[in-house]
Full PDB file with SEQRES, HELIX, SHEET, SSBOND, CRYST1, ORIGX, SCALE, CONECT and MASTER records, all heavy atoms in Angstrom:
SEQRES   1 A   46  MET ARG VAL LYS SER ILE ASP LEU SER GLY GLY GLY VAL          
SEQRES   2 A   46  ILE LEU LEU ILE ASN TYR CYS ILE SER SER GLY ILE PHE          
SEQRES   3 A   46  PRO GLY ALA SER LEU GLY PHE TYR VAL ALA LEU ALA LEU          
SEQRES   4 A   46  THR THR GLY LEU VAL ILE GLY                                  
HELIX    1 AA1 GLY A   10  SER A   22  1                                  13    
HELIX    2 AA2 LEU A   31  ILE A   45  1                                  15    
CRYST1    1.000    1.000    1.000  90.00  90.00  90.00 P 1           1          
ORIGX1      1.000000  0.000000  0.000000        0.00000                         
ORIGX2      0.000000  1.000000  0.000000        0.00000                         
ORIGX3      0.000000  0.000000  1.000000        0.00000                         
SCALE1      1.000000  0.000000  0.000000        0.00000                         
SCALE2      0.000000  1.000000  0.000000        0.00000                         
SCALE3      0.000000  0.000000  1.000000        0.00000                         
ATOM      1  N   MET A   1     -29.818 194.609 151.157  1.00  0.00           N  
ATOM      2  CA  MET A   1     -29.460 195.021 152.527  1.00  0.00           C  
ATOM      3  C   MET A   1     -30.625 195.674 153.175  1.00  0.00           C  
ATOM      4  O   MET A   1     -30.783 195.583 154.392  1.00  0.00           O  
ATOM      5  CB  MET A   1     -28.316 196.017 152.475  1.00  0.00           C  
ATOM      6  CG  MET A   1     -26.960 195.325 152.214  1.00  0.00           C  
ATOM      7  SD  MET A   1     -25.516 196.370 152.162  1.00  0.00           S  
ATOM      8  CE  MET A   1     -25.387 196.871 153.878  1.00  0.00           C  
ATOM      9  N   ARG A   2     -31.511 196.331 152.427  1.00  0.00           N  
ATOM     10  CA  ARG A   2     -32.751 196.845 153.033  1.00  0.00           C  
ATOM     11  C   ARG A   2     -33.675 195.693 153.553  1.00  0.00           C  
ATOM     12  O   ARG A   2     -34.468 196.021 154.488  1.00  0.00           O  
ATOM     13  CB  ARG A   2     -33.502 197.705 151.928  1.00  0.00           C  
ATOM     14  CG  ARG A   2     -32.950 199.029 151.598  1.00  0.00           C  
ATOM     15  CD  ARG A   2     -33.155 200.026 152.754  1.00  0.00           C  
ATOM     16  NE  ARG A   2     -34.567 200.264 152.938  1.00  0.00           N  
ATOM     17  CZ  ARG A   2     -35.349 201.052 152.317  1.00  0.00           C  
ATOM     18  NH1 ARG A   2     -34.900 201.830 151.369  1.00  0.00           N  
ATOM     19  NH2 ARG A   2     -36.624 201.191 152.669  1.00  0.00           N  
ATOM     20  N   VAL A   3     -33.551 194.512 152.998  1.00  0.00           N  
ATOM     21  CA  VAL A   3     -34.332 193.414 153.587  1.00  0.00           C  
ATOM     22  C   VAL A   3     -33.498 192.513 154.411  1.00  0.00           C  
ATOM     23  O   VAL A   3     -33.769 191.286 154.573  1.00  0.00           O  
ATOM     24  CB  VAL A   3     -35.052 192.672 152.485  1.00  0.00           C  
ATOM     25  CG1 VAL A   3     -36.061 193.469 151.711  1.00  0.00           C  
ATOM     26  CG2 VAL A   3     -34.040 191.982 151.439  1.00  0.00           C  
ATOM     27  N   LYS A   4     -32.426 193.038 154.982  1.00  0.00           N  
ATOM     28  CA  LYS A   4     -31.535 192.360 155.890  1.00  0.00           C  
ATOM     29  C   LYS A   4     -30.907 191.171 155.351  1.00  0.00           C  
ATOM     30  O   LYS A   4     -30.719 190.130 155.920  1.00  0.00           O  
ATOM     31  CB  LYS A   4     -32.319 192.031 157.235  1.00  0.00           C  
ATOM     32  CG  LYS A   4     -32.970 193.265 157.874  1.00  0.00           C  
ATOM     33  CD  LYS A   4     -33.591 192.813 159.207  1.00  0.00           C  
ATOM     34  CE  LYS A   4     -34.108 194.046 159.927  1.00  0.00           C  
ATOM     35  NZ  LYS A   4     -34.786 193.823 161.199  1.00  0.00           N  
ATOM     36  N   SER A   5     -30.373 191.337 154.105  1.00  0.00           N  
ATOM     37  CA  SER A   5     -29.657 190.223 153.384  1.00  0.00           C  
ATOM     38  C   SER A   5     -28.429 190.881 152.784  1.00  0.00           C  
ATOM     39  O   SER A   5     -28.116 192.015 153.128  1.00  0.00           O  
ATOM     40  CB  SER A   5     -30.478 189.588 152.309  1.00  0.00           C  
ATOM     41  OG  SER A   5     -29.844 188.417 151.763  1.00  0.00           O  
ATOM     42  N   ILE A   6     -27.755 190.136 151.892  1.00  0.00           N  
ATOM     43  CA  ILE A   6     -26.542 190.661 151.295  1.00  0.00           C  
ATOM     44  C   ILE A   6     -26.245 189.775 150.052  1.00  0.00           C  
ATOM     45  O   ILE A   6     -26.765 188.652 149.961  1.00  0.00           O  
ATOM     46  CB  ILE A   6     -25.232 190.585 152.284  1.00  0.00           C  
ATOM     47  CG1 ILE A   6     -24.113 191.417 151.789  1.00  0.00           C  
ATOM     48  CG2 ILE A   6     -24.774 189.162 152.426  1.00  0.00           C  
ATOM     49  CD1 ILE A   6     -23.143 191.720 152.833  1.00  0.00           C  
ATOM     50  N   ASP A   7     -25.590 190.318 149.059  1.00  0.00           N  
ATOM     51  CA  ASP A   7     -25.251 189.613 147.910  1.00  0.00           C  
ATOM     52  C   ASP A   7     -23.832 189.823 147.501  1.00  0.00           C  
ATOM     53  O   ASP A   7     -23.394 191.002 147.149  1.00  0.00           O  
ATOM     54  CB  ASP A   7     -26.236 190.122 146.749  1.00  0.00           C  
ATOM     55  CG  ASP A   7     -26.042 189.284 145.509  1.00  0.00           C  
ATOM     56  OD1 ASP A   7     -25.237 188.460 145.347  1.00  0.00           O  
ATOM     57  OD2 ASP A   7     -26.888 189.381 144.548  1.00  0.00           O  
ATOM     58  N   LEU A   8     -23.086 188.795 147.559  1.00  0.00           N  
ATOM     59  CA  LEU A   8     -21.683 188.809 147.150  1.00  0.00           C  
ATOM     60  C   LEU A   8     -21.317 188.074 145.872  1.00  0.00           C  
ATOM     61  O   LEU A   8     -20.197 187.723 145.578  1.00  0.00           O  
ATOM     62  CB  LEU A   8     -20.716 188.226 148.342  1.00  0.00           C  
ATOM     63  CG  LEU A   8     -20.912 188.831 149.683  1.00  0.00           C  
ATOM     64  CD1 LEU A   8     -20.092 188.174 150.766  1.00  0.00           C  
ATOM     65  CD2 LEU A   8     -20.470 190.376 149.547  1.00  0.00           C  
ATOM     66  N   SER A   9     -22.385 187.759 145.159  1.00  0.00           N  
ATOM     67  CA  SER A   9     -22.219 186.935 143.949  1.00  0.00           C  
ATOM     68  C   SER A   9     -21.895 187.782 142.745  1.00  0.00           C  
ATOM     69  O   SER A   9     -21.694 187.262 141.604  1.00  0.00           O  
ATOM     70  CB  SER A   9     -23.385 186.021 143.608  1.00  0.00           C  
ATOM     71  OG  SER A   9     -24.560 186.935 143.360  1.00  0.00           O  
ATOM     72  N   GLY A  10     -21.923 189.099 142.869  1.00  0.00           N  
ATOM     73  CA  GLY A  10     -21.763 190.035 141.633  1.00  0.00           C  
ATOM     74  C   GLY A  10     -20.537 189.703 140.912  1.00  0.00           C  
ATOM     75  O   GLY A  10     -20.521 189.875 139.635  1.00  0.00           O  
ATOM     76  N   GLY A  11     -19.460 189.495 141.589  1.00  0.00           N  
ATOM     77  CA  GLY A  11     -18.147 189.372 140.853  1.00  0.00           C  
ATOM     78  C   GLY A  11     -18.176 188.152 139.973  1.00  0.00           C  
ATOM     79  O   GLY A  11     -17.770 188.183 138.817  1.00  0.00           O  
ATOM     80  N   GLY A  12     -18.829 187.052 140.395  1.00  0.00           N  
ATOM     81  CA  GLY A  12     -18.916 185.878 139.597  1.00  0.00           C  
ATOM     82  C   GLY A  12     -19.891 186.097 138.378  1.00  0.00           C  
ATOM     83  O   GLY A  12     -19.576 185.691 137.191  1.00  0.00           O  
ATOM     84  N   VAL A  13     -20.962 186.804 138.656  1.00  0.00           N  
ATOM     85  CA  VAL A  13     -21.908 187.213 137.579  1.00  0.00           C  
ATOM     86  C   VAL A  13     -21.190 188.000 136.484  1.00  0.00           C  
ATOM     87  O   VAL A  13     -21.390 187.713 135.291  1.00  0.00           O  
ATOM     88  CB  VAL A  13     -23.112 187.942 138.097  1.00  0.00           C  
ATOM     89  CG1 VAL A  13     -24.017 188.396 136.890  1.00  0.00           C  
ATOM     90  CG2 VAL A  13     -23.911 187.036 139.063  1.00  0.00           C  
ATOM     91  N   ILE A  14     -20.460 189.048 136.908  1.00  0.00           N  
ATOM     92  CA  ILE A  14     -19.748 189.861 135.943  1.00  0.00           C  
ATOM     93  C   ILE A  14     -18.785 189.064 135.147  1.00  0.00           C  
ATOM     94  O   ILE A  14     -18.602 189.184 133.914  1.00  0.00           O  
ATOM     95  CB  ILE A  14     -18.997 190.941 136.680  1.00  0.00           C  
ATOM     96  CG1 ILE A  14     -20.107 191.991 137.232  1.00  0.00           C  
ATOM     97  CG2 ILE A  14     -18.051 191.714 135.793  1.00  0.00           C  
ATOM     98  CD1 ILE A  14     -19.522 193.045 138.180  1.00  0.00           C  
ATOM     99  N   LEU A  15     -18.036 188.194 135.768  1.00  0.00           N  
ATOM    100  CA  LEU A  15     -16.962 187.458 135.079  1.00  0.00           C  
ATOM    101  C   LEU A  15     -17.657 186.522 134.094  1.00  0.00           C  
ATOM    102  O   LEU A  15     -17.122 186.263 132.969  1.00  0.00           O  
ATOM    103  CB  LEU A  15     -16.118 186.608 136.083  1.00  0.00           C  
ATOM    104  CG  LEU A  15     -15.009 185.836 135.469  1.00  0.00           C  
ATOM    105  CD1 LEU A  15     -13.999 186.813 134.832  1.00  0.00           C  
ATOM    106  CD2 LEU A  15     -14.266 185.029 136.577  1.00  0.00           C  
ATOM    107  N   LEU A  16     -18.733 185.796 134.486  1.00  0.00           N  
ATOM    108  CA  LEU A  16     -19.472 184.841 133.588  1.00  0.00           C  
ATOM    109  C   LEU A  16     -19.845 185.589 132.394  1.00  0.00           C  
ATOM    110  O   LEU A  16     -19.743 185.098 131.222  1.00  0.00           O  
ATOM    111  CB  LEU A  16     -20.545 184.148 134.345  1.00  0.00           C  
ATOM    112  CG  LEU A  16     -21.333 183.206 133.516  1.00  0.00           C  
ATOM    113  CD1 LEU A  16     -20.551 182.094 132.944  1.00  0.00           C  
ATOM    114  CD2 LEU A  16     -22.573 182.622 134.333  1.00  0.00           C  
ATOM    115  N   ILE A  17     -20.570 186.701 132.524  1.00  0.00           N  
ATOM    116  CA  ILE A  17     -21.139 187.445 131.431  1.00  0.00           C  
ATOM    117  C   ILE A  17     -20.040 188.070 130.580  1.00  0.00           C  
ATOM    118  O   ILE A  17     -20.110 188.028 129.343  1.00  0.00           O  
ATOM    119  CB  ILE A  17     -22.096 188.590 131.893  1.00  0.00           C  
ATOM    120  CG1 ILE A  17     -23.341 187.988 132.556  1.00  0.00           C  
ATOM    121  CG2 ILE A  17     -22.456 189.493 130.824  1.00  0.00           C  
ATOM    122  CD1 ILE A  17     -24.177 189.041 133.250  1.00  0.00           C  
ATOM    123  N   ASN A  18     -18.963 188.497 131.204  1.00  0.00           N  
ATOM    124  CA  ASN A  18     -17.792 188.971 130.440  1.00  0.00           C  
ATOM    125  C   ASN A  18     -17.263 187.864 129.521  1.00  0.00           C  
ATOM    126  O   ASN A  18     -16.956 188.064 128.350  1.00  0.00           O  
ATOM    127  CB  ASN A  18     -16.698 189.512 131.343  1.00  0.00           C  
ATOM    128  CG  ASN A  18     -15.434 189.746 130.575  1.00  0.00           C  
ATOM    129  OD1 ASN A  18     -14.443 188.997 130.635  1.00  0.00           O  
ATOM    130  ND2 ASN A  18     -15.426 190.777 129.845  1.00  0.00           N  
ATOM    131  N   TYR A  19     -17.233 186.629 130.090  1.00  0.00           N  
ATOM    132  CA  TYR A  19     -16.606 185.543 129.278  1.00  0.00           C  
ATOM    133  C   TYR A  19     -17.536 185.152 128.099  1.00  0.00           C  
ATOM    134  O   TYR A  19     -17.119 184.957 126.973  1.00  0.00           O  
ATOM    135  CB  TYR A  19     -16.432 184.322 130.224  1.00  0.00           C  
ATOM    136  CG  TYR A  19     -15.952 183.132 129.379  1.00  0.00           C  
ATOM    137  CD1 TYR A  19     -14.671 182.906 129.009  1.00  0.00           C  
ATOM    138  CD2 TYR A  19     -16.930 182.138 129.014  1.00  0.00           C  
ATOM    139  CE1 TYR A  19     -14.228 181.862 128.316  1.00  0.00           C  
ATOM    140  CE2 TYR A  19     -16.504 180.988 128.290  1.00  0.00           C  
ATOM    141  CZ  TYR A  19     -15.197 180.974 127.883  1.00  0.00           C  
ATOM    142  OH  TYR A  19     -14.754 179.795 127.229  1.00  0.00           O  
ATOM    143  N   CYS A  20     -18.867 185.182 128.418  1.00  0.00           N  
ATOM    144  CA  CYS A  20     -19.828 184.865 127.338  1.00  0.00           C  
ATOM    145  C   CYS A  20     -19.775 185.838 126.171  1.00  0.00           C  
ATOM    146  O   CYS A  20     -19.966 185.463 124.925  1.00  0.00           O  
ATOM    147  CB  CYS A  20     -21.298 184.769 127.952  1.00  0.00           C  
ATOM    148  SG  CYS A  20     -21.527 183.393 129.057  1.00  0.00           S  
ATOM    149  N   ILE A  21     -19.500 187.000 126.451  1.00  0.00           N  
ATOM    150  CA  ILE A  21     -19.498 188.094 125.451  1.00  0.00           C  
ATOM    151  C   ILE A  21     -18.146 188.078 124.722  1.00  0.00           C  
ATOM    152  O   ILE A  21     -18.136 188.244 123.456  1.00  0.00           O  
ATOM    153  CB  ILE A  21     -19.809 189.442 126.030  1.00  0.00           C  
ATOM    154  CG1 ILE A  21     -21.215 189.491 126.536  1.00  0.00           C  
ATOM    155  CG2 ILE A  21     -19.617 190.594 124.961  1.00  0.00           C  
ATOM    156  CD1 ILE A  21     -21.637 190.731 127.237  1.00  0.00           C  
ATOM    157  N   SER A  22     -17.092 187.993 125.418  1.00  0.00           N  
ATOM    158  CA  SER A  22     -15.763 188.168 124.879  1.00  0.00           C  
ATOM    159  C   SER A  22     -15.023 186.952 124.327  1.00  0.00           C  
ATOM    160  O   SER A  22     -13.938 187.044 123.748  1.00  0.00           O  
ATOM    161  CB  SER A  22     -14.816 188.917 125.901  1.00  0.00           C  
ATOM    162  OG  SER A  22     -14.654 188.102 127.100  1.00  0.00           O  
ATOM    163  N   SER A  23     -15.576 185.775 124.730  1.00  0.00           N  
ATOM    164  CA  SER A  23     -14.797 184.444 124.268  1.00  0.00           C  
ATOM    165  C   SER A  23     -15.056 184.102 122.940  1.00  0.00           C  
ATOM    166  O   SER A  23     -14.355 183.216 122.419  1.00  0.00           O  
ATOM    167  CB  SER A  23     -15.248 183.401 125.307  1.00  0.00           C  
ATOM    168  OG  SER A  23     -16.623 183.100 125.131  1.00  0.00           O  
ATOM    169  N   GLY A  24     -16.068 184.616 122.252  1.00  0.00           N  
ATOM    170  CA  GLY A  24     -16.323 184.192 120.870  1.00  0.00           C  
ATOM    171  C   GLY A  24     -17.160 182.891 120.758  1.00  0.00           C  
ATOM    172  O   GLY A  24     -17.239 182.284 119.676  1.00  0.00           O  
ATOM    173  N   ILE A  25     -17.795 182.514 121.863  1.00  0.00           N  
ATOM    174  CA  ILE A  25     -18.489 181.175 121.761  1.00  0.00           C  
ATOM    175  C   ILE A  25     -19.828 181.420 121.066  1.00  0.00           C  
ATOM    176  O   ILE A  25     -20.564 180.488 120.833  1.00  0.00           O  
ATOM    177  CB  ILE A  25     -18.810 180.598 123.203  1.00  0.00           C  
ATOM    178  CG1 ILE A  25     -19.562 181.669 124.140  1.00  0.00           C  
ATOM    179  CG2 ILE A  25     -17.432 180.124 123.882  1.00  0.00           C  
ATOM    180  CD1 ILE A  25     -19.840 181.041 125.449  1.00  0.00           C  
ATOM    181  N   PHE A  26     -20.272 182.752 120.915  1.00  0.00           N  
ATOM    182  CA  PHE A  26     -21.480 182.981 120.086  1.00  0.00           C  
ATOM    183  C   PHE A  26     -21.157 183.892 118.940  1.00  0.00           C  
ATOM    184  O   PHE A  26     -21.330 185.109 118.885  1.00  0.00           O  
ATOM    185  CB  PHE A  26     -22.504 183.775 120.981  1.00  0.00           C  
ATOM    186  CG  PHE A  26     -22.875 182.996 122.263  1.00  0.00           C  
ATOM    187  CD1 PHE A  26     -22.487 183.329 123.490  1.00  0.00           C  
ATOM    188  CD2 PHE A  26     -23.833 181.836 122.059  1.00  0.00           C  
ATOM    189  CE1 PHE A  26     -22.894 182.607 124.613  1.00  0.00           C  
ATOM    190  CE2 PHE A  26     -24.182 181.126 123.147  1.00  0.00           C  
ATOM    191  CZ  PHE A  26     -23.759 181.487 124.428  1.00  0.00           C  
ATOM    192  N   PRO A  27     -20.379 183.324 117.966  1.00  0.00           N  
ATOM    193  CA  PRO A  27     -19.932 184.111 116.767  1.00  0.00           C  
ATOM    194  C   PRO A  27     -21.139 184.723 116.045  1.00  0.00           C  
ATOM    195  O   PRO A  27     -22.123 184.120 115.768  1.00  0.00           O  
ATOM    196  CB  PRO A  27     -19.207 183.093 115.997  1.00  0.00           C  
ATOM    197  CG  PRO A  27     -19.752 181.776 116.287  1.00  0.00           C  
ATOM    198  CD  PRO A  27     -20.099 181.917 117.768  1.00  0.00           C  
ATOM    199  N   GLY A  28     -20.954 186.029 115.787  1.00  0.00           N  
ATOM    200  CA  GLY A  28     -21.934 186.745 114.973  1.00  0.00           C  
ATOM    201  C   GLY A  28     -23.184 187.150 115.717  1.00  0.00           C  
ATOM    202  O   GLY A  28     -24.187 187.665 115.156  1.00  0.00           O  
ATOM    203  N   ALA A  29     -23.176 186.987 117.078  1.00  0.00           N  
ATOM    204  CA  ALA A  29     -24.301 187.260 117.848  1.00  0.00           C  
ATOM    205  C   ALA A  29     -24.600 188.855 117.806  1.00  0.00           C  
ATOM    206  O   ALA A  29     -23.596 189.585 117.830  1.00  0.00           O  
ATOM    207  CB  ALA A  29     -24.210 186.840 119.198  1.00  0.00           C  
ATOM    208  N   SER A  30     -25.938 189.192 117.892  1.00  0.00           N  
ATOM    209  CA  SER A  30     -26.218 190.670 117.924  1.00  0.00           C  
ATOM    210  C   SER A  30     -26.088 191.209 119.252  1.00  0.00           C  
ATOM    211  O   SER A  30     -26.037 190.478 120.300  1.00  0.00           O  
ATOM    212  CB  SER A  30     -27.636 190.822 117.372  1.00  0.00           C  
ATOM    213  OG  SER A  30     -28.587 190.217 118.296  1.00  0.00           O  
ATOM    214  N   LEU A  31     -26.243 192.550 119.389  1.00  0.00           N  
ATOM    215  CA  LEU A  31     -26.219 193.245 120.682  1.00  0.00           C  
ATOM    216  C   LEU A  31     -27.388 192.807 121.503  1.00  0.00           C  
ATOM    217  O   LEU A  31     -27.306 192.532 122.743  1.00  0.00           O  
ATOM    218  CB  LEU A  31     -26.169 194.752 120.485  1.00  0.00           C  
ATOM    219  CG  LEU A  31     -26.337 195.587 121.732  1.00  0.00           C  
ATOM    220  CD1 LEU A  31     -25.038 195.391 122.634  1.00  0.00           C  
ATOM    221  CD2 LEU A  31     -26.509 197.025 121.410  1.00  0.00           C  
ATOM    222  N   GLY A  32     -28.600 192.641 120.812  1.00  0.00           N  
ATOM    223  CA  GLY A  32     -29.782 192.273 121.573  1.00  0.00           C  
ATOM    224  C   GLY A  32     -29.637 190.930 122.169  1.00  0.00           C  
ATOM    225  O   GLY A  32     -30.138 190.667 123.318  1.00  0.00           O  
ATOM    226  N   PHE A  33     -28.943 189.982 121.443  1.00  0.00           N  
ATOM    227  CA  PHE A  33     -28.764 188.633 121.982  1.00  0.00           C  
ATOM    228  C   PHE A  33     -27.901 188.654 123.262  1.00  0.00           C  
ATOM    229  O   PHE A  33     -28.231 188.056 124.326  1.00  0.00           O  
ATOM    230  CB  PHE A  33     -28.138 187.768 120.926  1.00  0.00           C  
ATOM    231  CG  PHE A  33     -27.664 186.384 121.497  1.00  0.00           C  
ATOM    232  CD1 PHE A  33     -28.578 185.346 121.523  1.00  0.00           C  
ATOM    233  CD2 PHE A  33     -26.340 186.212 121.977  1.00  0.00           C  
ATOM    234  CE1 PHE A  33     -28.179 184.087 122.075  1.00  0.00           C  
ATOM    235  CE2 PHE A  33     -26.005 185.006 122.432  1.00  0.00           C  
ATOM    236  CZ  PHE A  33     -26.889 183.914 122.547  1.00  0.00           C  
ATOM    237  N   TYR A  34     -26.795 189.473 123.240  1.00  0.00           N  
ATOM    238  CA  TYR A  34     -25.858 189.525 124.412  1.00  0.00           C  
ATOM    239  C   TYR A  34     -26.653 190.219 125.572  1.00  0.00           C  
ATOM    240  O   TYR A  34     -26.395 189.742 126.759  1.00  0.00           O  
ATOM    241  CB  TYR A  34     -24.649 190.429 124.002  1.00  0.00           C  
ATOM    242  CG  TYR A  34     -23.705 189.613 123.210  1.00  0.00           C  
ATOM    243  CD1 TYR A  34     -23.226 190.175 121.975  1.00  0.00           C  
ATOM    244  CD2 TYR A  34     -23.254 188.412 123.560  1.00  0.00           C  
ATOM    245  CE1 TYR A  34     -22.205 189.471 121.274  1.00  0.00           C  
ATOM    246  CE2 TYR A  34     -22.256 187.709 122.892  1.00  0.00           C  
ATOM    247  CZ  TYR A  34     -21.824 188.221 121.619  1.00  0.00           C  
ATOM    248  OH  TYR A  34     -20.867 187.566 120.901  1.00  0.00           O  
ATOM    249  N   VAL A  35     -27.402 191.229 125.288  1.00  0.00           N  
ATOM    250  CA  VAL A  35     -28.154 191.951 126.356  1.00  0.00           C  
ATOM    251  C   VAL A  35     -29.151 190.931 127.045  1.00  0.00           C  
ATOM    252  O   VAL A  35     -29.197 190.836 128.279  1.00  0.00           O  
ATOM    253  CB  VAL A  35     -28.840 193.157 125.851  1.00  0.00           C  
ATOM    254  CG1 VAL A  35     -29.759 193.744 126.874  1.00  0.00           C  
ATOM    255  CG2 VAL A  35     -27.774 194.209 125.464  1.00  0.00           C  
ATOM    256  N   ALA A  36     -29.913 190.204 126.166  1.00  0.00           N  
ATOM    257  CA  ALA A  36     -30.859 189.209 126.689  1.00  0.00           C  
ATOM    258  C   ALA A  36     -30.180 188.070 127.511  1.00  0.00           C  
ATOM    259  O   ALA A  36     -30.581 187.706 128.496  1.00  0.00           O  
ATOM    260  CB  ALA A  36     -31.676 188.696 125.461  1.00  0.00           C  
ATOM    261  N   LEU A  37     -29.002 187.592 126.943  1.00  0.00           N  
ATOM    262  CA  LEU A  37     -28.296 186.611 127.637  1.00  0.00           C  
ATOM    263  C   LEU A  37     -27.791 187.096 129.000  1.00  0.00           C  
ATOM    264  O   LEU A  37     -27.967 186.333 130.032  1.00  0.00           O  
ATOM    265  CB  LEU A  37     -27.088 186.166 126.725  1.00  0.00           C  
ATOM    266  CG  LEU A  37     -26.137 185.141 127.406  1.00  0.00           C  
ATOM    267  CD1 LEU A  37     -26.862 183.812 127.547  1.00  0.00           C  
ATOM    268  CD2 LEU A  37     -24.975 184.980 126.497  1.00  0.00           C  
ATOM    269  N   ALA A  38     -27.305 188.257 129.073  1.00  0.00           N  
ATOM    270  CA  ALA A  38     -26.797 188.801 130.338  1.00  0.00           C  
ATOM    271  C   ALA A  38     -27.854 189.021 131.298  1.00  0.00           C  
ATOM    272  O   ALA A  38     -27.704 188.590 132.513  1.00  0.00           O  
ATOM    273  CB  ALA A  38     -26.065 190.180 130.071  1.00  0.00           C  
ATOM    274  N   LEU A  39     -29.002 189.613 130.976  1.00  0.00           N  
ATOM    275  CA  LEU A  39     -30.122 189.886 131.850  1.00  0.00           C  
ATOM    276  C   LEU A  39     -30.726 188.550 132.343  1.00  0.00           C  
ATOM    277  O   LEU A  39     -31.092 188.419 133.565  1.00  0.00           O  
ATOM    278  CB  LEU A  39     -31.172 190.753 131.158  1.00  0.00           C  
ATOM    279  CG  LEU A  39     -30.717 192.148 130.766  1.00  0.00           C  
ATOM    280  CD1 LEU A  39     -31.891 192.917 130.208  1.00  0.00           C  
ATOM    281  CD2 LEU A  39     -30.067 192.885 131.871  1.00  0.00           C  
ATOM    282  N   THR A  40     -30.888 187.615 131.492  1.00  0.00           N  
ATOM    283  CA  THR A  40     -31.405 186.352 131.811  1.00  0.00           C  
ATOM    284  C   THR A  40     -30.497 185.641 132.865  1.00  0.00           C  
ATOM    285  O   THR A  40     -30.954 185.053 133.847  1.00  0.00           O  
ATOM    286  CB  THR A  40     -31.565 185.374 130.603  1.00  0.00           C  
ATOM    287  OG1 THR A  40     -32.537 186.007 129.694  1.00  0.00           O  
ATOM    288  CG2 THR A  40     -32.157 184.077 131.020  1.00  0.00           C  
ATOM    289  N   THR A  41     -29.213 185.673 132.570  1.00  0.00           N  
ATOM    290  CA  THR A  41     -28.217 185.122 133.503  1.00  0.00           C  
ATOM    291  C   THR A  41     -28.291 185.729 134.917  1.00  0.00           C  
ATOM    292  O   THR A  41     -28.345 185.066 135.991  1.00  0.00           O  
ATOM    293  CB  THR A  41     -26.733 185.296 132.951  1.00  0.00           C  
ATOM    294  OG1 THR A  41     -26.697 184.561 131.690  1.00  0.00           O  
ATOM    295  CG2 THR A  41     -25.806 184.695 133.929  1.00  0.00           C  
ATOM    296  N   GLY A  42     -28.386 187.000 134.977  1.00  0.00           N  
ATOM    297  CA  GLY A  42     -28.478 187.835 136.263  1.00  0.00           C  
ATOM    298  C   GLY A  42     -29.764 187.448 136.900  1.00  0.00           C  
ATOM    299  O   GLY A  42     -29.761 187.277 138.188  1.00  0.00           O  
ATOM    300  N   LEU A  43     -30.886 187.463 136.263  1.00  0.00           N  
ATOM    301  CA  LEU A  43     -32.123 187.106 136.886  1.00  0.00           C  
ATOM    302  C   LEU A  43     -32.113 185.654 137.504  1.00  0.00           C  
ATOM    303  O   LEU A  43     -32.761 185.473 138.549  1.00  0.00           O  
ATOM    304  CB  LEU A  43     -33.280 187.309 135.893  1.00  0.00           C  
ATOM    305  CG  LEU A  43     -33.653 188.776 135.463  1.00  0.00           C  
ATOM    306  CD1 LEU A  43     -34.667 188.713 134.263  1.00  0.00           C  
ATOM    307  CD2 LEU A  43     -34.204 189.467 136.671  1.00  0.00           C  
ATOM    308  N   VAL A  44     -31.638 184.665 136.686  1.00  0.00           N  
ATOM    309  CA  VAL A  44     -31.606 183.282 137.232  1.00  0.00           C  
ATOM    310  C   VAL A  44     -30.755 183.163 138.471  1.00  0.00           C  
ATOM    311  O   VAL A  44     -31.180 182.543 139.372  1.00  0.00           O  
ATOM    312  CB  VAL A  44     -31.140 182.352 136.032  1.00  0.00           C  
ATOM    313  CG1 VAL A  44     -30.876 180.988 136.589  1.00  0.00           C  
ATOM    314  CG2 VAL A  44     -32.131 182.305 134.905  1.00  0.00           C  
ATOM    315  N   ILE A  45     -29.552 183.804 138.410  1.00  0.00           N  
ATOM    316  CA  ILE A  45     -28.706 183.626 139.522  1.00  0.00           C  
ATOM    317  C   ILE A  45     -29.285 184.398 140.806  1.00  0.00           C  
ATOM    318  O   ILE A  45     -29.268 183.937 141.903  1.00  0.00           O  
ATOM    319  CB  ILE A  45     -27.296 184.205 139.170  1.00  0.00           C  
ATOM    320  CG1 ILE A  45     -26.585 183.367 138.188  1.00  0.00           C  
ATOM    321  CG2 ILE A  45     -26.405 184.415 140.449  1.00  0.00           C  
ATOM    322  CD1 ILE A  45     -25.247 183.935 137.628  1.00  0.00           C  
ATOM    323  N   GLY A  46     -29.847 185.623 140.473  1.00  0.00           N  
ATOM    324  CA  GLY A  46     -30.564 186.280 141.538  1.00  0.00           C  
ATOM    325  C   GLY A  46     -31.632 185.542 142.180  1.00  0.00           C  
ATOM    326  O   GLY A  46     -31.904 185.498 143.504  1.00  0.00           O  
TER     327      GLY A  46                                                      
MASTER        0    0    0    2    0    0    0    6  326    1    0    4          
END                                                                             
C-alpha cells in the first residue's frame, strides 16, 4: 500500500501452505522442509 498497490492473495497463500503441511503429502518431512516450502511458495506468488 505504501507503493500504491494492494495484495488480496494472502488467503489463498495461507490455505495452500496449510494444505501442504497438514494433508500428509510430504510424509516424514522435517520442520526445515516445511518452512522452506512455505517461504518459497510465498516468494514465488509475491
